[in-house]
Amino acid sequence: MIKITKKLIFLVLATCLSVNAFAQTLKVATWLPPSSPQNDIVWPTWAKWVEEATEGRVKVDLEYGLGHPKSFFNLVEDGVADVAFTVDGYVPGRFVLSQMAEIPGETYEPEIASVALWRVYKKHFEAANEFEGLKVLAKFVHGPGQLHTKFPVTSLEALKGKKIRVGGGVVNDLAERLELTTIGAPAPKVYEMMQQGVVDGVLFPVSEQKYLRLNEVSSHITVFPEGMFSTSFTIFMNPEVFEGLSDKDQKAVMSVSGEKLSRLAGKAWGDADKVGYAHAKEKGIVITRLDANDPMNTGLKAVAKGMDEEWIQRAAKTGVDTRAALDMYRNLVAK
């Protein structure tokens, strides 16, 4: 039997303090409001997983206000932050392969699609090294992008010339085909732009009716059965920081990242759409759900026709078998 003495208690406390003193804290940069699914669910859950998997040797600290979300790749590359996430399309031309998940009609259920995107990334995209200078931890998409406006939408023709905010990536190509007057801006700026009349509407998942308070500045949501588009996100880490962890902790961090983190993020963002619909209804937003045969839905499909082939040809310049990648993605999403 071990005899409990003051000396033994001191040694135990000293050991605990020593372990805690050497715990590494990962600084995670974020740009959405605290209530967003990424900051309210994804990051806290991953932080808990990381701490548990590393037995307390690695912790996660969330930090706001580090700049425009398009700068977050550079922030992590330059070591200003250790981990971050952002929209791949915020950096035009850099992440062409990720645009596969943004093609209209290819992505609907975000949890399934996020897992599919991660698996395709690992099998087909990773070797192309588009994310050179970064350690990719996860890939995910938000829920189906829908049309939020300050006016009723009666036809696709009526949208021509309307000022609509777009975020980047394939959705910009779709907006051009629809002959919209597009205005680019980071997501947190949309409330102000809608409120001041800078834009007439925005293409967003319905979750943003709550999280970006669109229910205060819009009046209508037009819901397409498969959505109008999706957005590809990446969660990434500074590779030097990752390599600075022990082999054991590197494996531990990746055991709670990859497909597991991709699934978590996709599900969180998908579930957030349900909350968005509820908040829209509370505010009296007019929600128009189109069926598959509605002229606007069939018209959208006609407008988007060929965007898959355009991506296949454009992204093939990376050396990836893009047709095989898209086939794999489609099969996984269908399952």
C-alpha atoms as a PDB file:
ATOM      1  CA  MET A   1       0.000   0.000   0.000  1.00  0.00           C
ATOM      2  CA  ILE A   2       1.278   3.457  -0.921  1.00  0.00           C
ATOM      3  CA  LYS A   3       1.600   5.758   2.043  1.00  0.00           C
ATOM      4  CA  ILE A   4       0.126   9.201   1.345  1.00  0.00           C
ATOM      5  CA  THR A   5       2.590  11.849   2.524  1.00  0.00           C
ATOM      6  CA  LYS A   6       2.983  15.560   1.924  1.00  0.00           C
ATOM      7  CA  LYS A   7       6.021  14.767  -0.206  1.00  0.00           C
ATOM      8  CA  LEU A   8       4.024  12.375  -2.418  1.00  0.00           C
ATOM      9  CA  ILE A   9       1.216  14.921  -2.837  1.00  0.00           C
ATOM     10  CA  PHE A  10       3.795  17.553  -3.787  1.00  0.00           C
ATOM     11  CA  LEU A  11       5.360  15.250  -6.381  1.00  0.00           C
ATOM     12  CA  VAL A  12       1.977  14.432  -7.926  1.00  0.00           C
ATOM     13  CA  LEU A  13       1.025  18.115  -8.116  1.00  0.00           C
ATOM     14  CA  ALA A  14       4.407  19.028  -9.555  1.00  0.00           C
ATOM     15  CA  THR A  15       4.056  16.350 -12.225  1.00  0.00           C
ATOM     16  CA  CYS A  16       0.580  17.601 -13.186  1.00  0.00           C
ATOM     17  CA  LEU A  17       1.790  21.184 -13.332  1.00  0.00           C
ATOM     18  CA  SER A  18       4.788  20.156 -15.372  1.00  0.00           C
ATOM     19  CA  VAL A  19       2.634  18.311 -17.926  1.00  0.00           C
ATOM     20  CA  ASN A  20       0.259  21.277 -18.164  1.00  0.00           C
ATOM     21  CA  ALA A  21       3.153  23.715 -18.500  1.00  0.00           C
ATOM     22  CA  PHE A  22       4.438  21.857 -21.532  1.00  0.00           C
ATOM     23  CA  ALA A  23       1.008  21.481 -23.189  1.00  0.00           C
ATOM     24  CA  GLN A  24       0.981  23.049 -26.649  1.00  0.00           C
ATOM     25  CA  THR A  25      -1.873  25.373 -27.535  1.00  0.00           C
ATOM     26  CA  LEU A  26      -2.936  25.601 -31.160  1.00  0.00           C
ATOM     27  CA  LYS A  27      -4.171  29.073 -32.105  1.00  0.00           C
ATOM     28  CA  VAL A  28      -7.190  28.642 -34.383  1.00  0.00           C
ATOM     29  CA  ALA A  29      -8.192  31.635 -36.491  1.00  0.00           C
ATOM     30  CA  THR A  30     -11.855  32.145 -37.308  1.00  0.00           C
ATOM     31  CA  TRP A  31     -13.869  34.826 -39.093  1.00  0.00           C
ATOM     32  CA  LEU A  32     -17.532  33.965 -38.620  1.00  0.00           C
ATOM     33  CA  PRO A  33     -19.607  35.084 -35.589  1.00  0.00           C
ATOM     34  CA  PRO A  34     -19.484  33.011 -32.389  1.00  0.00           C
ATOM     35  CA  SER A  35     -23.007  31.667 -33.008  1.00  0.00           C
ATOM     36  CA  SER A  36     -22.086  30.129 -36.384  1.00  0.00           C
ATOM     37  CA  PRO A  37     -22.001  26.323 -36.593  1.00  0.00           C
ATOM     38  CA  GLN A  38     -18.254  26.417 -37.211  1.00  0.00           C
ATOM     39  CA  ASN A  39     -17.516  28.342 -34.022  1.00  0.00           C
ATOM     40  CA  ASP A  40     -20.343  27.036 -31.855  1.00  0.00           C
ATOM     41  CA  ILE A  41     -20.070  23.335 -32.740  1.00  0.00           C
ATOM     42  CA  VAL A  42     -17.185  22.355 -35.008  1.00  0.00           C
ATOM     43  CA  TRP A  43     -14.249  24.056 -33.303  1.00  0.00           C
ATOM     44  CA  PRO A  44     -15.291  23.302 -29.680  1.00  0.00           C
ATOM     45  CA  THR A  45     -15.944  19.652 -30.550  1.00  0.00           C
ATOM     46  CA  TRP A  46     -12.632  19.276 -32.365  1.00  0.00           C
ATOM     47  CA  ALA A  47     -10.845  21.018 -29.472  1.00  0.00           C
ATOM     48  CA  LYS A  48     -12.324  18.468 -27.062  1.00  0.00           C
ATOM     49  CA  TRP A  49     -11.338  15.609 -29.346  1.00  0.00           C
ATOM     50  CA  VAL A  50      -7.768  16.895 -29.713  1.00  0.00           C
ATOM     51  CA  GLU A  51      -7.300  17.376 -25.996  1.00  0.00           C
ATOM     52  CA  GLU A  52      -8.664  13.914 -25.229  1.00  0.00           C
ATOM     53  CA  ALA A  53      -6.692  12.206 -28.011  1.00  0.00           C
ATOM     54  CA  THR A  54      -3.424  13.818 -26.886  1.00  0.00           C
ATOM     55  CA  GLU A  55      -4.176  13.289 -23.181  1.00  0.00           C
ATOM     56  CA  GLY A  56      -4.039  17.025 -22.590  1.00  0.00           C
ATOM     57  CA  ARG A  57      -0.727  17.627 -24.333  1.00  0.00           C
ATOM     58  CA  VAL A  58      -2.343  19.679 -27.111  1.00  0.00           C
ATOM     59  CA  LYS A  59      -5.075  22.253 -26.565  1.00  0.00           C
ATOM     60  CA  VAL A  60      -7.000  24.517 -28.934  1.00  0.00           C
ATOM     61  CA  ASP A  61      -7.670  28.227 -28.524  1.00  0.00           C
ATOM     62  CA  LEU A  62     -10.079  30.115 -30.813  1.00  0.00           C
ATOM     63  CA  GLU A  63      -9.127  33.621 -31.945  1.00  0.00           C
ATOM     64  CA  TYR A  64     -11.283  36.168 -33.782  1.00  0.00           C
ATOM     65  CA  GLY A  65     -10.545  39.285 -35.788  1.00  0.00           C
ATOM     66  CA  LEU A  66      -7.350  38.320 -37.579  1.00  0.00           C
ATOM     67  CA  GLY A  67      -8.424  39.678 -40.949  1.00  0.00           C
ATOM     68  CA  HIS A  68     -10.300  39.007 -44.169  1.00  0.00           C
ATOM     69  CA  PRO A  69     -11.122  35.296 -44.609  1.00  0.00           C
ATOM     70  CA  LYS A  70      -9.323  35.200 -47.968  1.00  0.00           C
ATOM     71  CA  SER A  71      -6.081  35.990 -46.096  1.00  0.00           C
ATOM     72  CA  PHE A  72      -6.359  32.968 -43.797  1.00  0.00           C
ATOM     73  CA  PHE A  73      -4.310  30.659 -46.024  1.00  0.00           C
ATOM     74  CA  ASN A  74      -1.446  33.157 -45.772  1.00  0.00           C
ATOM     75  CA  LEU A  75      -2.003  33.675 -42.036  1.00  0.00           C
ATOM     76  CA  VAL A  76      -1.387  29.995 -41.415  1.00  0.00           C
ATOM     77  CA  GLU A  77       1.437  29.709 -43.946  1.00  0.00           C
ATOM     78  CA  ASP A  78       3.177  32.655 -42.264  1.00  0.00           C
ATOM     79  CA  GLY A  79       2.634  31.285 -38.759  1.00  0.00           C
ATOM     80  CA  VAL A  80       0.325  34.069 -37.532  1.00  0.00           C
ATOM     81  CA  ALA A  81      -2.202  31.330 -36.736  1.00  0.00           C
ATOM     82  CA  ASP A  82      -1.640  27.590 -36.346  1.00  0.00           C
ATOM     83  CA  VAL A  83      -4.972  26.372 -37.715  1.00  0.00           C
ATOM     84  CA  ALA A  84      -7.799  27.974 -39.698  1.00  0.00           C
ATOM     85  CA  PHE A  85     -10.560  27.341 -42.199  1.00  0.00           C
ATOM     86  CA  THR A  86     -11.911  29.318 -45.093  1.00  0.00           C
ATOM     87  CA  VAL A  87     -13.638  29.173 -48.463  1.00  0.00           C
ATOM     88  CA  ASP A  88     -11.412  27.742 -51.187  1.00  0.00           C
ATOM     89  CA  GLY A  89     -12.993  30.072 -53.749  1.00  0.00           C
ATOM     90  CA  TYR A  90     -11.886  33.177 -51.849  1.00  0.00           C
ATOM     91  CA  VAL A  91      -8.515  32.760 -53.588  1.00  0.00           C
ATOM     92  CA  PRO A  92      -9.390  32.667 -57.312  1.00  0.00           C
ATOM     93  CA  GLY A  93      -7.479  30.164 -59.396  1.00  0.00           C
ATOM     94  CA  ARG A  94      -5.543  28.494 -56.586  1.00  0.00           C
ATOM     95  CA  PHE A  95      -7.826  25.600 -55.650  1.00  0.00           C
ATOM     96  CA  VAL A  96      -9.370  24.469 -58.910  1.00  0.00           C
ATOM     97  CA  LEU A  97      -9.833  20.836 -57.812  1.00  0.00           C
ATOM     98  CA  SER A  98     -11.998  21.780 -54.823  1.00  0.00           C
ATOM     99  CA  GLN A  99     -14.516  23.345 -57.196  1.00  0.00           C
ATOM    100  CA  MET A 100     -15.792  19.869 -58.052  1.00  0.00           C
ATOM    101  CA  ALA A 101     -18.096  19.966 -55.031  1.00  0.00           C
ATOM    102  CA  GLU A 102     -19.443  23.382 -56.055  1.00  0.00           C
ATOM    103  CA  ILE A 103     -20.833  22.349 -59.446  1.00  0.00           C
ATOM    104  CA  PRO A 104     -24.624  22.918 -59.432  1.00  0.00           C
ATOM    105  CA  GLY A 105     -26.559  19.703 -58.874  1.00  0.00           C
ATOM    106  CA  GLU A 106     -23.603  17.685 -57.559  1.00  0.00           C
ATOM    107  CA  THR A 107     -23.898  18.415 -53.842  1.00  0.00           C
ATOM    108  CA  TYR A 108     -26.987  18.337 -51.673  1.00  0.00           C
ATOM    109  CA  GLU A 109     -26.726  16.586 -48.282  1.00  0.00           C
ATOM    110  CA  PRO A 110     -23.696  18.270 -46.695  1.00  0.00           C
ATOM    111  CA  GLU A 111     -22.647  15.538 -44.253  1.00  0.00           C
ATOM    112  CA  ILE A 112     -22.519  12.884 -46.978  1.00  0.00           C
ATOM    113  CA  ALA A 113     -20.967  15.296 -49.476  1.00  0.00           C
ATOM    114  CA  SER A 114     -18.270  16.394 -47.016  1.00  0.00           C
ATOM    115  CA  VAL A 115     -17.184  12.802 -46.404  1.00  0.00           C
ATOM    116  CA  ALA A 116     -17.234  12.178 -50.168  1.00  0.00           C
ATOM    117  CA  LEU A 117     -15.142  15.280 -50.805  1.00  0.00           C
ATOM    118  CA  TRP A 118     -12.553  14.197 -48.234  1.00  0.00           C
ATOM    119  CA  ARG A 119     -12.276  10.708 -49.751  1.00  0.00           C
ATOM    120  CA  VAL A 120     -11.895  12.113 -53.279  1.00  0.00           C
ATOM    121  CA  TYR A 121      -9.320  14.597 -51.989  1.00  0.00           C
ATOM    122  CA  LYS A 122      -7.249  11.802 -50.453  1.00  0.00           C
ATOM    123  CA  LYS A 123      -7.456   9.517 -53.492  1.00  0.00           C
ATOM    124  CA  HIS A 124      -7.255  11.988 -56.363  1.00  0.00           C
ATOM    125  CA  PHE A 125      -6.449  15.535 -55.276  1.00  0.00           C
ATOM    126  CA  GLU A 126      -3.859  15.383 -52.508  1.00  0.00           C
ATOM    127  CA  ALA A 127      -0.966  14.383 -54.780  1.00  0.00           C
ATOM    128  CA  ALA A 128      -1.582  17.448 -56.995  1.00  0.00           C
ATOM    129  CA  ASN A 129      -0.340  19.508 -54.024  1.00  0.00           C
ATOM    130  CA  GLU A 130      -2.690  22.477 -54.482  1.00  0.00           C
ATOM    131  CA  PHE A 131      -2.359  23.096 -50.748  1.00  0.00           C
ATOM    132  CA  GLU A 132       1.425  23.317 -50.802  1.00  0.00           C
ATOM    133  CA  GLY A 133       2.604  25.066 -47.650  1.00  0.00           C
ATOM    134  CA  LEU A 134      -0.375  23.842 -45.622  1.00  0.00           C
ATOM    135  CA  LYS A 135      -1.341  20.667 -43.773  1.00  0.00           C
ATOM    136  CA  VAL A 136      -4.918  19.816 -44.800  1.00  0.00           C
ATOM    137  CA  LEU A 137      -6.954  18.561 -41.849  1.00  0.00           C
ATOM    138  CA  ALA A 138     -10.443  18.329 -43.381  1.00  0.00           C
ATOM    139  CA  LYS A 139     -12.662  19.257 -46.334  1.00  0.00           C
ATOM    140  CA  PHE A 140     -16.353  20.082 -46.131  1.00  0.00           C
ATOM    141  CA  VAL A 141     -19.294  21.834 -47.764  1.00  0.00           C
ATOM    142  CA  HIS A 142     -22.208  23.833 -46.382  1.00  0.00           C
ATOM    143  CA  GLY A 143     -25.874  23.106 -47.058  1.00  0.00           C
ATOM    144  CA  PRO A 144     -27.475  23.765 -50.448  1.00  0.00           C
ATOM    145  CA  GLY A 145     -26.990  27.380 -51.509  1.00  0.00           C
ATOM    146  CA  GLN A 146     -30.327  29.139 -52.031  1.00  0.00           C
ATOM    147  CA  LEU A 147     -31.465  32.582 -53.167  1.00  0.00           C
ATOM    148  CA  HIS A 148     -32.252  35.179 -50.459  1.00  0.00           C
ATOM    149  CA  THR A 149     -33.739  38.412 -51.784  1.00  0.00           C
ATOM    150  CA  LYS A 150     -35.475  41.644 -50.871  1.00  0.00           C
ATOM    151  CA  PHE A 151     -38.061  41.014 -53.597  1.00  0.00           C
ATOM    152  CA  PRO A 152     -40.220  38.104 -54.827  1.00  0.00           C
ATOM    153  CA  VAL A 153     -38.544  36.009 -57.514  1.00  0.00           C
ATOM    154  CA  THR A 154     -41.037  35.027 -60.202  1.00  0.00           C
ATOM    155  CA  SER A 155     -38.638  33.829 -62.905  1.00  0.00           C
ATOM    156  CA  LEU A 156     -34.968  33.505 -63.756  1.00  0.00           C
ATOM    157  CA  GLU A 157     -35.472  36.252 -66.331  1.00  0.00           C
ATOM    158  CA  ALA A 158     -36.504  38.610 -63.534  1.00  0.00           C
ATOM    159  CA  LEU A 159     -33.103  38.103 -61.915  1.00  0.00           C
ATOM    160  CA  LYS A 160     -31.131  39.518 -64.821  1.00  0.00           C
ATOM    161  CA  GLY A 161     -29.241  42.615 -63.776  1.00  0.00           C
ATOM    162  CA  LYS A 162     -30.134  42.257 -60.091  1.00  0.00           C
ATOM    163  CA  LYS A 163     -27.284  43.032 -57.709  1.00  0.00           C
ATOM    164  CA  ILE A 164     -26.468  39.758 -55.975  1.00  0.00           C
ATOM    165  CA  ARG A 165     -23.605  39.064 -53.593  1.00  0.00           C
ATOM    166  CA  VAL A 166     -21.493  36.021 -54.465  1.00  0.00           C
ATOM    167  CA  GLY A 167     -18.636  34.527 -52.503  1.00  0.00           C
ATOM    168  CA  GLY A 168     -16.293  33.033 -55.067  1.00  0.00           C
ATOM    169  CA  GLY A 169     -15.679  29.788 -56.891  1.00  0.00           C
ATOM    170  CA  VAL A 170     -18.104  28.086 -59.260  1.00  0.00           C
ATOM    171  CA  VAL A 171     -21.057  30.132 -58.011  1.00  0.00           C
ATOM    172  CA  ASN A 172     -19.505  33.147 -59.738  1.00  0.00           C
ATOM    173  CA  ASP A 173     -19.628  31.269 -63.044  1.00  0.00           C
ATOM    174  CA  LEU A 174     -23.269  30.350 -62.436  1.00  0.00           C
ATOM    175  CA  ALA A 175     -24.133  33.952 -61.605  1.00  0.00           C
ATOM    176  CA  GLU A 176     -22.517  35.073 -64.843  1.00  0.00           C
ATOM    177  CA  ARG A 177     -24.613  32.566 -66.785  1.00  0.00           C
ATOM    178  CA  LEU A 178     -27.729  33.909 -65.043  1.00  0.00           C
ATOM    179  CA  GLU A 179     -26.660  37.436 -66.059  1.00  0.00           C
ATOM    180  CA  LEU A 180     -26.667  38.717 -62.499  1.00  0.00           C
ATOM    181  CA  THR A 181     -24.801  41.854 -61.486  1.00  0.00           C
ATOM    182  CA  THR A 182     -22.409  40.230 -59.046  1.00  0.00           C
ATOM    183  CA  ILE A 183     -20.779  41.885 -56.062  1.00  0.00           C
ATOM    184  CA  GLY A 184     -18.075  40.051 -54.128  1.00  0.00           C
ATOM    185  CA  ALA A 185     -17.731  40.411 -50.374  1.00  0.00           C
ATOM    186  CA  PRO A 186     -16.906  38.233 -47.345  1.00  0.00           C
ATOM    187  CA  ALA A 187     -19.895  36.662 -45.629  1.00  0.00           C
ATOM    188  CA  PRO A 188     -19.862  38.875 -42.492  1.00  0.00           C
ATOM    189  CA  LYS A 189     -20.359  41.978 -44.675  1.00  0.00           C
ATOM    190  CA  VAL A 190     -23.619  40.781 -46.236  1.00  0.00           C
ATOM    191  CA  TYR A 191     -25.969  42.049 -43.511  1.00  0.00           C
ATOM    192  CA  GLU A 192     -24.704  45.594 -43.937  1.00  0.00           C
ATOM    193  CA  MET A 193     -24.823  45.362 -47.734  1.00  0.00           C
ATOM    194  CA  MET A 194     -28.420  44.114 -47.708  1.00  0.00           C
ATOM    195  CA  GLN A 195     -29.445  46.688 -45.126  1.00  0.00           C
ATOM    196  CA  GLN A 196     -27.971  49.581 -47.099  1.00  0.00           C
ATOM    197  CA  GLY A 197     -29.310  48.405 -50.451  1.00  0.00           C
ATOM    198  CA  VAL A 198     -25.868  47.743 -51.903  1.00  0.00           C
ATOM    199  CA  VAL A 199     -27.192  44.358 -53.034  1.00  0.00           C
ATOM    200  CA  ASP A 200     -30.700  43.085 -53.796  1.00  0.00           C
ATOM    201  CA  GLY A 201     -29.966  39.567 -52.644  1.00  0.00           C
ATOM    202  CA  VAL A 202     -27.412  36.926 -51.839  1.00  0.00           C
ATOM    203  CA  LEU A 203     -26.664  33.294 -52.635  1.00  0.00           C
ATOM    204  CA  PHE A 204     -26.241  31.522 -49.279  1.00  0.00           C
ATOM    205  CA  PRO A 205     -27.292  28.400 -47.395  1.00  0.00           C
ATOM    206  CA  VAL A 206     -30.467  28.950 -45.364  1.00  0.00           C
ATOM    207  CA  SER A 207     -28.492  28.704 -42.111  1.00  0.00           C
ATOM    208  CA  GLU A 208     -27.463  32.334 -42.611  1.00  0.00           C
ATOM    209  CA  GLN A 209     -31.034  33.467 -42.009  1.00  0.00           C
ATOM    210  CA  LYS A 210     -30.027  33.101 -38.371  1.00  0.00           C
ATOM    211  CA  TYR A 211     -26.250  33.244 -38.118  1.00  0.00           C
ATOM    212  CA  LEU A 212     -25.754  36.272 -40.362  1.00  0.00           C
ATOM    213  CA  ARG A 213     -29.207  37.655 -39.451  1.00  0.00           C
ATOM    214  CA  LEU A 214     -30.517  37.644 -43.008  1.00  0.00           C
ATOM    215  CA  ASN A 215     -34.017  37.322 -41.565  1.00  0.00           C
ATOM    216  CA  GLU A 216     -33.732  41.015 -40.631  1.00  0.00           C
ATOM    217  CA  VAL A 217     -32.725  42.290 -44.078  1.00  0.00           C
ATOM    218  CA  SER A 218     -34.337  39.916 -46.613  1.00  0.00           C
ATOM    219  CA  SER A 219     -37.983  39.181 -47.355  1.00  0.00           C
ATOM    220  CA  HIS A 220     -37.933  36.108 -49.605  1.00  0.00           C
ATOM    221  CA  ILE A 221     -36.102  32.781 -49.953  1.00  0.00           C
ATOM    222  CA  THR A 222     -36.370  30.831 -53.194  1.00  0.00           C
ATOM    223  CA  VAL A 223     -35.542  27.184 -52.483  1.00  0.00           C
ATOM    224  CA  PHE A 224     -34.333  25.019 -55.363  1.00  0.00           C
ATOM    225  CA  PRO A 225     -34.741  21.247 -54.750  1.00  0.00           C
ATOM    226  CA  GLU A 226     -31.019  20.497 -55.105  1.00  0.00           C
ATOM    227  CA  GLY A 227     -29.837  23.979 -54.222  1.00  0.00           C
ATOM    228  CA  MET A 228     -28.228  26.388 -56.658  1.00  0.00           C
ATOM    229  CA  PHE A 229     -24.638  25.647 -55.655  1.00  0.00           C
ATOM    230  CA  SER A 230     -22.428  24.629 -52.764  1.00  0.00           C
ATOM    231  CA  THR A 231     -19.175  25.945 -51.331  1.00  0.00           C
ATOM    232  CA  SER A 232     -15.989  24.010 -50.637  1.00  0.00           C
ATOM    233  CA  PHE A 233     -14.171  24.773 -47.372  1.00  0.00           C
ATOM    234  CA  THR A 234     -10.811  23.532 -46.127  1.00  0.00           C
ATOM    235  CA  ILE A 235      -9.556  23.211 -42.561  1.00  0.00           C
ATOM    236  CA  PHE A 236      -5.763  23.472 -42.550  1.00  0.00           C
ATOM    237  CA  MET A 237      -2.743  23.722 -40.260  1.00  0.00           C
ATOM    238  CA  ASN A 238       0.759  25.142 -40.449  1.00  0.00           C
ATOM    239  CA  PRO A 239       2.893  22.108 -41.417  1.00  0.00           C
ATOM    240  CA  GLU A 240       5.842  23.192 -39.286  1.00  0.00           C
ATOM    241  CA  VAL A 241       3.605  23.409 -36.236  1.00  0.00           C
ATOM    242  CA  PHE A 242       2.205  19.977 -37.069  1.00  0.00           C
ATOM    243  CA  GLU A 243       5.680  18.499 -37.505  1.00  0.00           C
ATOM    244  CA  GLY A 244       6.709  20.121 -34.214  1.00  0.00           C
ATOM    245  CA  LEU A 245       4.306  17.817 -32.401  1.00  0.00           C
ATOM    246  CA  SER A 246       5.557  14.431 -31.268  1.00  0.00           C
ATOM    247  CA  ASP A 247       4.825  11.493 -33.590  1.00  0.00           C
ATOM    248  CA  LYS A 248       2.305  10.287 -31.043  1.00  0.00           C
ATOM    249  CA  ASP A 249       0.485  13.621 -30.984  1.00  0.00           C
ATOM    250  CA  GLN A 250       0.576  13.972 -34.774  1.00  0.00           C
ATOM    251  CA  LYS A 251      -1.227  10.637 -35.051  1.00  0.00           C
ATOM    252  CA  ALA A 252      -3.620  11.655 -32.291  1.00  0.00           C
ATOM    253  CA  VAL A 253      -4.535  14.947 -34.005  1.00  0.00           C
ATOM    254  CA  MET A 254      -5.096  13.222 -37.344  1.00  0.00           C
ATOM    255  CA  SER A 255      -7.180  10.515 -35.675  1.00  0.00           C
ATOM    256  CA  VAL A 256      -9.777  13.205 -34.873  1.00  0.00           C
ATOM    257  CA  SER A 257      -9.344  15.104 -38.136  1.00  0.00           C
ATOM    258  CA  GLY A 258      -9.610  13.866 -41.713  1.00  0.00           C
ATOM    259  CA  GLU A 259     -12.901  12.127 -42.479  1.00  0.00           C
ATOM    260  CA  LYS A 260     -14.113  12.418 -38.890  1.00  0.00           C
ATOM    261  CA  LEU A 261     -13.697  16.207 -38.830  1.00  0.00           C
ATOM    262  CA  SER A 262     -15.086  16.535 -42.370  1.00  0.00           C
ATOM    263  CA  ARG A 263     -18.213  14.647 -41.317  1.00  0.00           C
ATOM    264  CA  LEU A 264     -18.589  16.740 -38.167  1.00  0.00           C
ATOM    265  CA  ALA A 265     -18.363  20.007 -40.109  1.00  0.00           C
ATOM    266  CA  GLY A 266     -20.711  18.904 -42.881  1.00  0.00           C
ATOM    267  CA  LYS A 267     -23.314  17.720 -40.384  1.00  0.00           C
ATOM    268  CA  ALA A 268     -23.063  20.870 -38.269  1.00  0.00           C
ATOM    269  CA  TRP A 269     -23.535  23.128 -41.273  1.00  0.00           C
ATOM    270  CA  GLY A 270     -26.353  20.961 -42.617  1.00  0.00           C
ATOM    271  CA  ASP A 271     -28.200  20.944 -39.292  1.00  0.00           C
ATOM    272  CA  ALA A 272     -27.827  24.717 -39.168  1.00  0.00           C
ATOM    273  CA  ASP A 273     -30.104  25.021 -42.206  1.00  0.00           C
ATOM    274  CA  LYS A 274     -33.002  23.687 -40.114  1.00  0.00           C
ATOM    275  CA  VAL A 275     -32.374  26.450 -37.598  1.00  0.00           C
ATOM    276  CA  GLY A 276     -32.219  28.971 -40.440  1.00  0.00           C
ATOM    277  CA  TYR A 277     -35.606  27.916 -41.789  1.00  0.00           C
ATOM    278  CA  ALA A 278     -37.136  28.230 -38.315  1.00  0.00           C
ATOM    279  CA  HIS A 279     -35.784  31.753 -37.855  1.00  0.00           C
ATOM    280  CA  ALA A 280     -36.957  32.768 -41.322  1.00  0.00           C
ATOM    281  CA  LYS A 281     -40.482  31.591 -40.516  1.00  0.00           C
ATOM    282  CA  GLU A 282     -40.471  33.455 -37.199  1.00  0.00           C
ATOM    283  CA  LYS A 283     -39.656  36.687 -39.026  1.00  0.00           C
ATOM    284  CA  GLY A 284     -42.304  36.121 -41.678  1.00  0.00           C
ATOM    285  CA  ILE A 285     -39.877  35.552 -44.545  1.00  0.00           C
ATOM    286  CA  VAL A 286     -41.733  34.240 -47.604  1.00  0.00           C
ATOM    287  CA  ILE A 287     -40.269  30.797 -48.398  1.00  0.00           C
ATOM    288  CA  THR A 288     -40.994  29.577 -51.922  1.00  0.00           C
ATOM    289  CA  ARG A 289     -40.096  25.914 -52.387  1.00  0.00           C
ATOM    290  CA  LEU A 290     -39.784  24.953 -56.033  1.00  0.00           C
ATOM    291  CA  ASP A 291     -40.553  21.426 -57.158  1.00  0.00           C
ATOM    292  CA  ALA A 292     -38.413  19.565 -59.657  1.00  0.00           C
ATOM    293  CA  ASN A 293     -40.634  20.513 -62.609  1.00  0.00           C
ATOM    294  CA  ASP A 294     -40.925  24.194 -61.789  1.00  0.00           C
ATOM    295  CA  PRO A 295     -39.781  26.325 -64.755  1.00  0.00           C
ATOM    296  CA  MET A 296     -37.225  28.078 -62.551  1.00  0.00           C
ATOM    297  CA  ASN A 297     -35.694  24.769 -61.489  1.00  0.00           C
ATOM    298  CA  THR A 298     -35.608  23.290 -64.987  1.00  0.00           C
ATOM    299  CA  GLY A 299     -34.329  26.641 -66.221  1.00  0.00           C
ATOM    300  CA  LEU A 300     -31.497  26.591 -63.697  1.00  0.00           C
ATOM    301  CA  LYS A 301     -30.486  23.106 -64.830  1.00  0.00           C
ATOM    302  CA  ALA A 302     -30.438  24.319 -68.429  1.00  0.00           C
ATOM    303  CA  VAL A 303     -28.314  27.329 -67.495  1.00  0.00           C
ATOM    304  CA  ALA A 304     -25.870  25.142 -65.534  1.00  0.00           C
ATOM    305  CA  LYS A 305     -25.609  22.467 -68.226  1.00  0.00           C
ATOM    306  CA  GLY A 306     -22.012  21.775 -69.173  1.00  0.00           C
ATOM    307  CA  MET A 307     -20.441  23.229 -66.023  1.00  0.00           C
ATOM    308  CA  ASP A 308     -19.315  19.739 -65.016  1.00  0.00           C
ATOM    309  CA  GLU A 309     -17.474  19.263 -68.315  1.00  0.00           C
ATOM    310  CA  GLU A 310     -15.935  22.714 -68.009  1.00  0.00           C
ATOM    311  CA  TRP A 311     -14.544  21.777 -64.602  1.00  0.00           C
ATOM    312  CA  ILE A 312     -13.270  18.420 -65.874  1.00  0.00           C
ATOM    313  CA  GLN A 313     -11.321  20.135 -68.647  1.00  0.00           C
ATOM    314  CA  ARG A 314     -10.103  23.078 -66.557  1.00  0.00           C
ATOM    315  CA  ALA A 315      -8.986  21.000 -63.575  1.00  0.00           C
ATOM    316  CA  ALA A 316      -7.368  18.307 -65.747  1.00  0.00           C
ATOM    317  CA  LYS A 317      -4.433  20.728 -66.171  1.00  0.00           C
ATOM    318  CA  THR A 318      -3.394  19.728 -62.635  1.00  0.00           C
ATOM    319  CA  GLY A 319      -2.611  16.231 -63.921  1.00  0.00           C
ATOM    320  CA  VAL A 320      -5.507  14.680 -62.002  1.00  0.00           C
ATOM    321  CA  ASP A 321      -7.937  12.261 -63.672  1.00  0.00           C
ATOM    322  CA  THR A 322     -10.787  14.661 -63.053  1.00  0.00           C
ATOM    323  CA  ARG A 323     -13.423  12.550 -64.767  1.00  0.00           C
ATOM    324  CA  ALA A 324     -12.628   9.624 -62.463  1.00  0.00           C
ATOM    325  CA  ALA A 325     -12.633  11.985 -59.466  1.00  0.00           C
ATOM    326  CA  LEU A 326     -16.078  13.372 -60.343  1.00  0.00           C
ATOM    327  CA  ASP A 327     -17.445   9.870 -60.972  1.00  0.00           C
ATOM    328  CA  MET A 328     -16.169   8.771 -57.564  1.00  0.00           C
ATOM    329  CA  TYR A 329     -17.721  11.836 -55.914  1.00  0.00           C
ATOM    330  CA  ARG A 330     -21.071  11.253 -57.603  1.00  0.00           C
ATOM    331  CA  ASN A 331     -21.135   7.607 -56.592  1.00  0.00           C
ATOM    332  CA  LEU A 332     -20.302   8.402 -52.956  1.00  0.00           C
ATOM    333  CA  VAL A 333     -22.893  11.178 -52.756  1.00  0.00           C
ATOM    334  CA  ALA A 334     -25.534   8.919 -54.348  1.00  0.00           C
ATOM    335  CA  LYS A 335     -24.890   6.245 -51.723  1.00  0.00           C
END
